[in-house]
Full PDB file with SEQRES, HELIX, SHEET, SSBOND, CRYST1, ORIGX, SCALE, CONECT and MASTER records, all heavy atoms in Angstrom:
SEQRES   1 A   34  ILE TYR ALA MET GLY TRP HIS ARG GLN ALA PRO GLY LYS          
SEQRES   2 A   34  GLN ARG GLU LEU VAL ALA VAL ILE SER SER SER GLY ASP          
SEQRES   3 A   34  THR LYS TYR ALA ASN TYR VAL LYS                              
HELIX    1 AA1 ASN A   31  VAL A   33  5                                   3    
SHEET    1 AA1 3 MET A   4  ARG A   8  0                                        
SHEET    2 AA1 3 GLU A  16  ILE A  21 -1                                        
SHEET    3 AA1 3 THR A  27  TYR A  29 -1                                        
CRYST1    1.000    1.000    1.000  90.00  90.00  90.00 P 1           1          
ORIGX1      1.000000  0.000000  0.000000        0.00000                         
ORIGX2      0.000000  1.000000  0.000000        0.00000                         
ORIGX3      0.000000  0.000000  1.000000        0.00000                         
SCALE1      1.000000  0.000000  0.000000        0.00000                         
SCALE2      0.000000  1.000000  0.000000        0.00000                         
SCALE3      0.000000  0.000000  1.000000        0.00000                         
ATOM      1  N   ILE A   1       0.805  -1.213   0.000  1.00  0.00           N  
ATOM      2  CA  ILE A   1       0.000   0.000   0.000  1.00  0.00           C  
ATOM      3  C   ILE A   1       0.845   1.272   0.000  1.00  0.00           C  
ATOM      4  O   ILE A   1       0.290   2.370  -0.005  1.00  0.00           O  
ATOM      5  CB  ILE A   1      -0.982   0.036   1.180  1.00  0.00           C  
ATOM      6  CG1 ILE A   1      -0.244   0.210   2.510  1.00  0.00           C  
ATOM      7  CG2 ILE A   1      -1.848  -1.226   1.203  1.00  0.00           C  
ATOM      8  CD1 ILE A   1      -1.166   0.497   3.680  1.00  0.00           C  
ATOM      9  N   TYR A   2       2.159   1.142   0.001  1.00  0.00           N  
ATOM     10  CA  TYR A   2       3.047   2.296   0.018  1.00  0.00           C  
ATOM     11  C   TYR A   2       3.403   2.736  -1.396  1.00  0.00           C  
ATOM     12  O   TYR A   2       3.660   1.904  -2.262  1.00  0.00           O  
ATOM     13  CB  TYR A   2       4.339   1.979   0.765  1.00  0.00           C  
ATOM     14  CG  TYR A   2       4.264   2.193   2.257  1.00  0.00           C  
ATOM     15  CD1 TYR A   2       3.392   1.463   3.037  1.00  0.00           C  
ATOM     16  CD2 TYR A   2       5.086   3.128   2.872  1.00  0.00           C  
ATOM     17  CE1 TYR A   2       3.328   1.659   4.405  1.00  0.00           C  
ATOM     18  CE2 TYR A   2       5.034   3.325   4.244  1.00  0.00           C  
ATOM     19  CZ  TYR A   2       4.156   2.595   5.000  1.00  0.00           C  
ATOM     20  OH  TYR A   2       4.107   2.794   6.357  1.00  0.00           O  
ATOM     21  N   ALA A   3       3.404   4.038  -1.608  1.00  0.00           N  
ATOM     22  CA  ALA A   3       4.045   4.587  -2.790  1.00  0.00           C  
ATOM     23  C   ALA A   3       5.551   4.504  -2.588  1.00  0.00           C  
ATOM     24  O   ALA A   3       6.039   4.616  -1.460  1.00  0.00           O  
ATOM     25  CB  ALA A   3       3.611   6.032  -3.019  1.00  0.00           C  
ATOM     26  N   MET A   4       6.285   4.310  -3.669  1.00  0.00           N  
ATOM     27  CA  MET A   4       7.730   4.186  -3.570  1.00  0.00           C  
ATOM     28  C   MET A   4       8.400   4.943  -4.708  1.00  0.00           C  
ATOM     29  O   MET A   4       7.779   5.220  -5.737  1.00  0.00           O  
ATOM     30  CB  MET A   4       8.155   2.715  -3.611  1.00  0.00           C  
ATOM     31  CG  MET A   4       7.556   1.874  -2.503  1.00  0.00           C  
ATOM     32  SD  MET A   4       8.199   0.178  -2.451  1.00  0.00           S  
ATOM     33  CE  MET A   4       9.872   0.491  -1.865  1.00  0.00           C  
ATOM     34  N   GLY A   5       9.667   5.259  -4.505  1.00  0.00           N  
ATOM     35  CA  GLY A   5      10.367   5.999  -5.537  1.00  0.00           C  
ATOM     36  C   GLY A   5      11.866   5.883  -5.414  1.00  0.00           C  
ATOM     37  O   GLY A   5      12.397   5.286  -4.473  1.00  0.00           O  
ATOM     38  N   TRP A   6      12.527   6.455  -6.405  1.00  0.00           N  
ATOM     39  CA  TRP A   6      13.979   6.546  -6.432  1.00  0.00           C  
ATOM     40  C   TRP A   6      14.383   8.006  -6.546  1.00  0.00           C  
ATOM     41  O   TRP A   6      13.835   8.753  -7.364  1.00  0.00           O  
ATOM     42  CB  TRP A   6      14.566   5.768  -7.613  1.00  0.00           C  
ATOM     43  CG  TRP A   6      14.413   4.284  -7.514  1.00  0.00           C  
ATOM     44  CD1 TRP A   6      13.408   3.527  -8.021  1.00  0.00           C  
ATOM     45  CD2 TRP A   6      15.318   3.379  -6.873  1.00  0.00           C  
ATOM     46  NE1 TRP A   6      13.621   2.200  -7.742  1.00  0.00           N  
ATOM     47  CE2 TRP A   6      14.788   2.082  -7.038  1.00  0.00           C  
ATOM     48  CE3 TRP A   6      16.517   3.536  -6.188  1.00  0.00           C  
ATOM     49  CZ2 TRP A   6      15.422   0.945  -6.532  1.00  0.00           C  
ATOM     50  CZ3 TRP A   6      17.146   2.409  -5.683  1.00  0.00           C  
ATOM     51  CH2 TRP A   6      16.593   1.133  -5.854  1.00  0.00           C  
ATOM     52  N   HIS A   7      15.327   8.411  -5.723  1.00  0.00           N  
ATOM     53  CA  HIS A   7      16.003   9.698  -5.835  1.00  0.00           C  
ATOM     54  C   HIS A   7      17.493   9.441  -5.998  1.00  0.00           C  
ATOM     55  O   HIS A   7      17.976   8.352  -5.681  1.00  0.00           O  
ATOM     56  CB  HIS A   7      15.765  10.558  -4.594  1.00  0.00           C  
ATOM     57  CG  HIS A   7      14.380  11.125  -4.492  1.00  0.00           C  
ATOM     58  ND1 HIS A   7      13.275  10.358  -4.215  1.00  0.00           N  
ATOM     59  CD2 HIS A   7      13.934  12.404  -4.626  1.00  0.00           C  
ATOM     60  CE1 HIS A   7      12.199  11.124  -4.175  1.00  0.00           C  
ATOM     61  NE2 HIS A   7      12.583  12.373  -4.420  1.00  0.00           N  
ATOM     62  N   ARG A   8      18.201  10.432  -6.483  1.00  0.00           N  
ATOM     63  CA  ARG A   8      19.640  10.299  -6.596  1.00  0.00           C  
ATOM     64  C   ARG A   8      20.318  11.596  -6.167  1.00  0.00           C  
ATOM     65  O   ARG A   8      19.731  12.669  -6.235  1.00  0.00           O  
ATOM     66  CB  ARG A   8      20.063   9.930  -8.020  1.00  0.00           C  
ATOM     67  CG  ARG A   8      19.841  11.017  -9.059  1.00  0.00           C  
ATOM     68  CD  ARG A   8      20.125  10.475 -10.452  1.00  0.00           C  
ATOM     69  NE  ARG A   8      20.071  11.516 -11.468  1.00  0.00           N  
ATOM     70  CZ  ARG A   8      20.169  11.296 -12.771  1.00  0.00           C  
ATOM     71  NH1 ARG A   8      20.334  10.051 -13.223  1.00  0.00           N  
ATOM     72  NH2 ARG A   8      20.112  12.301 -13.624  1.00  0.00           N  
ATOM     73  N   GLN A   9      21.564  11.462  -5.735  1.00  0.00           N  
ATOM     74  CA  GLN A   9      22.334  12.613  -5.302  1.00  0.00           C  
ATOM     75  C   GLN A   9      23.770  12.472  -5.780  1.00  0.00           C  
ATOM     76  O   GLN A   9      24.467  11.538  -5.393  1.00  0.00           O  
ATOM     77  CB  GLN A   9      22.295  12.769  -3.783  1.00  0.00           C  
ATOM     78  CG  GLN A   9      22.929  14.056  -3.285  1.00  0.00           C  
ATOM     79  CD  GLN A   9      22.612  14.332  -1.826  1.00  0.00           C  
ATOM     80  OE1 GLN A   9      22.306  13.421  -1.060  1.00  0.00           O  
ATOM     81  NE2 GLN A   9      22.680  15.593  -1.442  1.00  0.00           N  
ATOM     82  N   ALA A  10      24.177  13.396  -6.624  1.00  0.00           N  
ATOM     83  CA  ALA A  10      25.544  13.445  -7.108  1.00  0.00           C  
ATOM     84  C   ALA A  10      26.374  14.320  -6.178  1.00  0.00           C  
ATOM     85  O   ALA A  10      25.836  15.172  -5.461  1.00  0.00           O  
ATOM     86  CB  ALA A  10      25.585  13.989  -8.529  1.00  0.00           C  
ATOM     87  N   PRO A  11      27.703  14.143  -6.174  1.00  0.00           N  
ATOM     88  CA  PRO A  11      28.555  14.958  -5.313  1.00  0.00           C  
ATOM     89  C   PRO A  11      28.340  16.453  -5.538  1.00  0.00           C  
ATOM     90  O   PRO A  11      28.358  16.920  -6.677  1.00  0.00           O  
ATOM     91  CB  PRO A  11      29.969  14.537  -5.718  1.00  0.00           C  
ATOM     92  CG  PRO A  11      29.810  13.139  -6.222  1.00  0.00           C  
ATOM     93  CD  PRO A  11      28.477  13.134  -6.923  1.00  0.00           C  
ATOM     94  N   GLY A  12      28.120  17.186  -4.456  1.00  0.00           N  
ATOM     95  CA  GLY A  12      27.923  18.615  -4.546  1.00  0.00           C  
ATOM     96  C   GLY A  12      26.567  19.049  -5.054  1.00  0.00           C  
ATOM     97  O   GLY A  12      26.339  20.249  -5.235  1.00  0.00           O  
ATOM     98  N   LYS A  13      25.673  18.103  -5.286  1.00  0.00           N  
ATOM     99  CA  LYS A  13      24.352  18.415  -5.814  1.00  0.00           C  
ATOM    100  C   LYS A  13      23.268  18.034  -4.808  1.00  0.00           C  
ATOM    101  O   LYS A  13      23.484  17.211  -3.924  1.00  0.00           O  
ATOM    102  CB  LYS A  13      24.102  17.682  -7.127  1.00  0.00           C  
ATOM    103  CG  LYS A  13      25.127  17.952  -8.206  1.00  0.00           C  
ATOM    104  CD  LYS A  13      25.079  19.393  -8.677  1.00  0.00           C  
ATOM    105  CE  LYS A  13      26.048  19.613  -9.827  1.00  0.00           C  
ATOM    106  NZ  LYS A  13      26.009  21.022 -10.306  1.00  0.00           N  
ATOM    107  N   GLN A  14      22.107  18.648  -4.955  1.00  0.00           N  
ATOM    108  CA  GLN A  14      20.969  18.290  -4.127  1.00  0.00           C  
ATOM    109  C   GLN A  14      20.352  16.984  -4.608  1.00  0.00           C  
ATOM    110  O   GLN A  14      20.470  16.614  -5.773  1.00  0.00           O  
ATOM    111  CB  GLN A  14      19.918  19.402  -4.150  1.00  0.00           C  
ATOM    112  CG  GLN A  14      20.349  20.689  -3.473  1.00  0.00           C  
ATOM    113  CD  GLN A  14      19.229  21.703  -3.397  1.00  0.00           C  
ATOM    114  OE1 GLN A  14      18.382  21.763  -4.291  1.00  0.00           O  
ATOM    115  NE2 GLN A  14      19.212  22.490  -2.338  1.00  0.00           N  
ATOM    116  N   ARG A  15      19.700  16.296  -3.696  1.00  0.00           N  
ATOM    117  CA  ARG A  15      18.985  15.084  -4.047  1.00  0.00           C  
ATOM    118  C   ARG A  15      17.838  15.430  -4.998  1.00  0.00           C  
ATOM    119  O   ARG A  15      17.134  16.419  -4.806  1.00  0.00           O  
ATOM    120  CB  ARG A  15      18.463  14.414  -2.781  1.00  0.00           C  
ATOM    121  CG  ARG A  15      17.857  13.040  -2.996  1.00  0.00           C  
ATOM    122  CD  ARG A  15      17.484  12.403  -1.656  1.00  0.00           C  
ATOM    123  NE  ARG A  15      18.666  12.123  -0.851  1.00  0.00           N  
ATOM    124  CZ  ARG A  15      18.631  11.648   0.384  1.00  0.00           C  
ATOM    125  NH1 ARG A  15      17.452  11.394   0.970  1.00  0.00           N  
ATOM    126  NH2 ARG A  15      19.747  11.418   1.051  1.00  0.00           N  
ATOM    127  N   GLU A  16      17.651  14.608  -6.033  1.00  0.00           N  
ATOM    128  CA  GLU A  16      16.619  14.864  -7.019  1.00  0.00           C  
ATOM    129  C   GLU A  16      15.816  13.604  -7.312  1.00  0.00           C  
ATOM    130  O   GLU A  16      16.312  12.483  -7.217  1.00  0.00           O  
ATOM    131  CB  GLU A  16      17.225  15.408  -8.320  1.00  0.00           C  
ATOM    132  CG  GLU A  16      18.192  14.453  -9.003  1.00  0.00           C  
ATOM    133  CD  GLU A  16      18.832  15.046 -10.243  1.00  0.00           C  
ATOM    134  OE1 GLU A  16      18.556  16.215 -10.575  1.00  0.00           O  
ATOM    135  OE2 GLU A  16      19.632  14.332 -10.899  1.00  0.00           O  
ATOM    136  N   LEU A  17      14.579  13.817  -7.687  1.00  0.00           N  
ATOM    137  CA  LEU A  17      13.689  12.713  -8.022  1.00  0.00           C  
ATOM    138  C   LEU A  17      14.116  12.054  -9.322  1.00  0.00           C  
ATOM    139  O   LEU A  17      14.462  12.727 -10.295  1.00  0.00           O  
ATOM    140  CB  LEU A  17      12.254  13.227  -8.154  1.00  0.00           C  
ATOM    141  CG  LEU A  17      11.211  12.200  -8.616  1.00  0.00           C  
ATOM    142  CD1 LEU A  17      10.950  11.176  -7.522  1.00  0.00           C  
ATOM    143  CD2 LEU A  17       9.909  12.908  -8.997  1.00  0.00           C  
ATOM    144  N   VAL A  18      14.078  10.730  -9.345  1.00  0.00           N  
ATOM    145  CA  VAL A  18      14.323   9.962 -10.554  1.00  0.00           C  
ATOM    146  C   VAL A  18      13.019   9.389 -11.094  1.00  0.00           C  
ATOM    147  O   VAL A  18      12.668   9.581 -12.262  1.00  0.00           O  
ATOM    148  CB  VAL A  18      15.327   8.821 -10.304  1.00  0.00           C  
ATOM    149  CG1 VAL A  18      15.502   7.975 -11.562  1.00  0.00           C  
ATOM    150  CG2 VAL A  18      16.669   9.385  -9.842  1.00  0.00           C  
ATOM    151  N   ALA A  19      12.286   8.669 -10.250  1.00  0.00           N  
ATOM    152  CA  ALA A  19      11.046   8.030 -10.668  1.00  0.00           C  
ATOM    153  C   ALA A  19      10.226   7.685  -9.446  1.00  0.00           C  
ATOM    154  O   ALA A  19      10.752   7.570  -8.337  1.00  0.00           O  
ATOM    155  CB  ALA A  19      11.327   6.767 -11.489  1.00  0.00           C  
ATOM    156  N   VAL A  20       8.938   7.508  -9.648  1.00  0.00           N  
ATOM    157  CA  VAL A  20       8.038   7.154  -8.561  1.00  0.00           C  
ATOM    158  C   VAL A  20       7.008   6.158  -9.073  1.00  0.00           C  
ATOM    159  O   VAL A  20       6.620   6.192 -10.250  1.00  0.00           O  
ATOM    160  CB  VAL A  20       7.348   8.415  -7.973  1.00  0.00           C  
ATOM    161  CG1 VAL A  20       6.514   9.119  -9.036  1.00  0.00           C  
ATOM    162  CG2 VAL A  20       6.509   8.072  -6.763  1.00  0.00           C  
ATOM    163  N   ILE A  21       6.573   5.261  -8.207  1.00  0.00           N  
ATOM    164  CA  ILE A  21       5.547   4.293  -8.547  1.00  0.00           C  
ATOM    165  C   ILE A  21       4.532   4.244  -7.413  1.00  0.00           C  
ATOM    166  O   ILE A  21       4.887   4.162  -6.240  1.00  0.00           O  
ATOM    167  CB  ILE A  21       6.157   2.900  -8.838  1.00  0.00           C  
ATOM    168  CG1 ILE A  21       5.080   1.918  -9.308  1.00  0.00           C  
ATOM    169  CG2 ILE A  21       6.912   2.361  -7.625  1.00  0.00           C  
ATOM    170  CD1 ILE A  21       5.664   0.644  -9.919  1.00  0.00           C  
ATOM    171  N   SER A  22       3.267   4.307  -7.768  1.00  0.00           N  
ATOM    172  CA  SER A  22       2.208   4.291  -6.777  1.00  0.00           C  
ATOM    173  C   SER A  22       1.939   2.874  -6.304  1.00  0.00           C  
ATOM    174  O   SER A  22       2.447   1.894  -6.854  1.00  0.00           O  
ATOM    175  CB  SER A  22       0.928   4.898  -7.360  1.00  0.00           C  
ATOM    176  OG  SER A  22       0.329   4.011  -8.283  1.00  0.00           O  
ATOM    177  N   SER A  23       1.110   2.759  -5.280  1.00  0.00           N  
ATOM    178  CA  SER A  23       0.742   1.443  -4.774  1.00  0.00           C  
ATOM    179  C   SER A  23      -0.016   0.626  -5.814  1.00  0.00           C  
ATOM    180  O   SER A  23       0.005  -0.608  -5.759  1.00  0.00           O  
ATOM    181  CB  SER A  23      -0.095   1.579  -3.505  1.00  0.00           C  
ATOM    182  OG  SER A  23      -1.289   2.311  -3.757  1.00  0.00           O  
ATOM    183  N   SER A  24      -0.653   1.305  -6.765  1.00  0.00           N  
ATOM    184  CA  SER A  24      -1.394   0.621  -7.820  1.00  0.00           C  
ATOM    185  C   SER A  24      -0.572   0.377  -9.080  1.00  0.00           C  
ATOM    186  O   SER A  24      -1.076  -0.204 -10.042  1.00  0.00           O  
ATOM    187  CB  SER A  24      -2.654   1.407  -8.183  1.00  0.00           C  
ATOM    188  OG  SER A  24      -2.328   2.691  -8.658  1.00  0.00           O  
ATOM    189  N   GLY A  25       0.684   0.836  -9.080  1.00  0.00           N  
ATOM    190  CA  GLY A  25       1.575   0.580 -10.196  1.00  0.00           C  
ATOM    191  C   GLY A  25       1.710   1.696 -11.207  1.00  0.00           C  
ATOM    192  O   GLY A  25       2.412   1.527 -12.214  1.00  0.00           O  
ATOM    193  N   ASP A  26       1.072   2.832 -10.990  1.00  0.00           N  
ATOM    194  CA  ASP A  26       1.247   3.978 -11.879  1.00  0.00           C  
ATOM    195  C   ASP A  26       2.636   4.573 -11.689  1.00  0.00           C  
ATOM    196  O   ASP A  26       3.130   4.654 -10.565  1.00  0.00           O  
ATOM    197  CB  ASP A  26       0.191   5.040 -11.606  1.00  0.00           C  
ATOM    198  CG  ASP A  26      -1.211   4.558 -11.919  1.00  0.00           C  
ATOM    199  OD1 ASP A  26      -1.371   3.769 -12.869  1.00  0.00           O  
ATOM    200  OD2 ASP A  26      -2.153   4.973 -11.220  1.00  0.00           O  
ATOM    201  N   THR A  27       3.245   5.012 -12.774  1.00  0.00           N  
ATOM    202  CA  THR A  27       4.625   5.489 -12.729  1.00  0.00           C  
ATOM    203  C   THR A  27       4.771   6.886 -13.301  1.00  0.00           C  
ATOM    204  O   THR A  27       4.013   7.305 -14.182  1.00  0.00           O  
ATOM    205  CB  THR A  27       5.557   4.548 -13.506  1.00  0.00           C  
ATOM    206  OG1 THR A  27       5.138   4.481 -14.878  1.00  0.00           O  
ATOM    207  CG2 THR A  27       5.525   3.149 -12.913  1.00  0.00           C  
ATOM    208  N   LYS A  28       5.764   7.604 -12.785  1.00  0.00           N  
ATOM    209  CA  LYS A  28       6.153   8.906 -13.307  1.00  0.00           C  
ATOM    210  C   LYS A  28       7.675   9.000 -13.263  1.00  0.00           C  
ATOM    211  O   LYS A  28       8.310   8.416 -12.398  1.00  0.00           O  
ATOM    212  CB  LYS A  28       5.525  10.049 -12.513  1.00  0.00           C  
ATOM    213  CG  LYS A  28       4.018  10.147 -12.637  1.00  0.00           C  
ATOM    214  CD  LYS A  28       3.466  11.345 -11.875  1.00  0.00           C  
ATOM    215  CE  LYS A  28       1.966  11.458 -12.047  1.00  0.00           C  
ATOM    216  NZ  LYS A  28       1.411  12.621 -11.305  1.00  0.00           N  
ATOM    217  N   TYR A  29       8.232   9.775 -14.204  1.00  0.00           N  
ATOM    218  CA  TYR A  29       9.672   9.871 -14.337  1.00  0.00           C  
ATOM    219  C   TYR A  29      10.118  11.310 -14.484  1.00  0.00           C  
ATOM    220  O   TYR A  29       9.410  12.137 -15.056  1.00  0.00           O  
ATOM    221  CB  TYR A  29      10.155   9.092 -15.561  1.00  0.00           C  
ATOM    222  CG  TYR A  29       9.843   7.620 -15.526  1.00  0.00           C  
ATOM    223  CD1 TYR A  29       8.647   7.130 -16.033  1.00  0.00           C  
ATOM    224  CD2 TYR A  29      10.757   6.720 -14.992  1.00  0.00           C  
ATOM    225  CE1 TYR A  29       8.364   5.774 -15.999  1.00  0.00           C  
ATOM    226  CE2 TYR A  29      10.476   5.365 -14.959  1.00  0.00           C  
ATOM    227  CZ  TYR A  29       9.281   4.895 -15.461  1.00  0.00           C  
ATOM    228  OH  TYR A  29       9.009   3.548 -15.429  1.00  0.00           O  
ATOM    229  N   ALA A  30      11.314  11.581 -13.984  1.00  0.00           N  
ATOM    230  CA  ALA A  30      11.951  12.838 -14.297  1.00  0.00           C  
ATOM    231  C   ALA A  30      12.227  12.893 -15.797  1.00  0.00           C  
ATOM    232  O   ALA A  30      12.485  11.861 -16.428  1.00  0.00           O  
ATOM    233  CB  ALA A  30      13.257  12.990 -13.521  1.00  0.00           C  
ATOM    234  N   ASN A  31      12.174  14.088 -16.367  1.00  0.00           N  
ATOM    235  CA  ASN A  31      12.338  14.222 -17.814  1.00  0.00           C  
ATOM    236  C   ASN A  31      13.660  13.657 -18.316  1.00  0.00           C  
ATOM    237  O   ASN A  31      13.718  13.092 -19.417  1.00  0.00           O  
ATOM    238  CB  ASN A  31      12.207  15.688 -18.225  1.00  0.00           C  
ATOM    239  CG  ASN A  31      10.787  16.197 -18.131  1.00  0.00           C  
ATOM    240  OD1 ASN A  31       9.830  15.427 -18.205  1.00  0.00           O  
ATOM    241  ND2 ASN A  31      10.647  17.503 -17.970  1.00  0.00           N  
ATOM    242  N   TYR A  32      14.705  13.779 -17.532  1.00  0.00           N  
ATOM    243  CA  TYR A  32      16.029  13.378 -18.004  1.00  0.00           C  
ATOM    244  C   TYR A  32      16.240  11.873 -18.038  1.00  0.00           C  
ATOM    245  O   TYR A  32      17.263  11.400 -18.529  1.00  0.00           O  
ATOM    246  CB  TYR A  32      17.118  14.051 -17.162  1.00  0.00           C  
ATOM    247  CG  TYR A  32      16.964  13.895 -15.674  1.00  0.00           C  
ATOM    248  CD1 TYR A  32      17.404  12.756 -15.021  1.00  0.00           C  
ATOM    249  CD2 TYR A  32      16.379  14.908 -14.915  1.00  0.00           C  
ATOM    250  CE1 TYR A  32      17.259  12.612 -13.656  1.00  0.00           C  
ATOM    251  CE2 TYR A  32      16.234  14.777 -13.544  1.00  0.00           C  
ATOM    252  CZ  TYR A  32      16.673  13.629 -12.919  1.00  0.00           C  
ATOM    253  OH  TYR A  32      16.539  13.492 -11.552  1.00  0.00           O  
ATOM    254  N   VAL A  33      15.273  11.096 -17.510  1.00  0.00           N  
ATOM    255  CA  VAL A  33      15.403   9.637 -17.567  1.00  0.00           C  
ATOM    256  C   VAL A  33      14.293   8.982 -18.380  1.00  0.00           C  
ATOM    257  O   VAL A  33      14.315   7.760 -18.566  1.00  0.00           O  
ATOM    258  CB  VAL A  33      15.450   9.007 -16.166  1.00  0.00           C  
ATOM    259  CG1 VAL A  33      16.593   9.592 -15.356  1.00  0.00           C  
ATOM    260  CG2 VAL A  33      14.122   9.166 -15.444  1.00  0.00           C  
ATOM    261  N   LYS A  34      13.349   9.759 -18.884  1.00  0.00           N  
ATOM    262  CA  LYS A  34      12.254   9.200 -19.673  1.00  0.00           C  
ATOM    263  C   LYS A  34      12.793   8.469 -20.900  1.00  0.00           C  
ATOM    264  O   LYS A  34      13.636   8.971 -21.619  1.00  0.00           O  
ATOM    265  CB  LYS A  34      11.287  10.300 -20.110  1.00  0.00           C  
ATOM    266  CG  LYS A  34      10.405  10.831 -18.997  1.00  0.00           C  
ATOM    267  CD  LYS A  34       9.435  11.887 -19.509  1.00  0.00           C  
ATOM    268  CE  LYS A  34       8.531  12.397 -18.401  1.00  0.00           C  
ATOM    269  NZ  LYS A  34       7.616  13.459 -18.884  1.00  0.00           N  
TER     270      LYS A  34                                                      
MASTER        0    0    0    1    3    0    0    6  269    1    0    3          
END                                                                             
């Protein structure tokens, strides 16, 4: 029942969203990884 996702953090950079998936399986992506 949990939504889940991936973030990434490069050296010297802020953490940023990569992708997310809902509990029902719907997905969204950052533009740079689509």
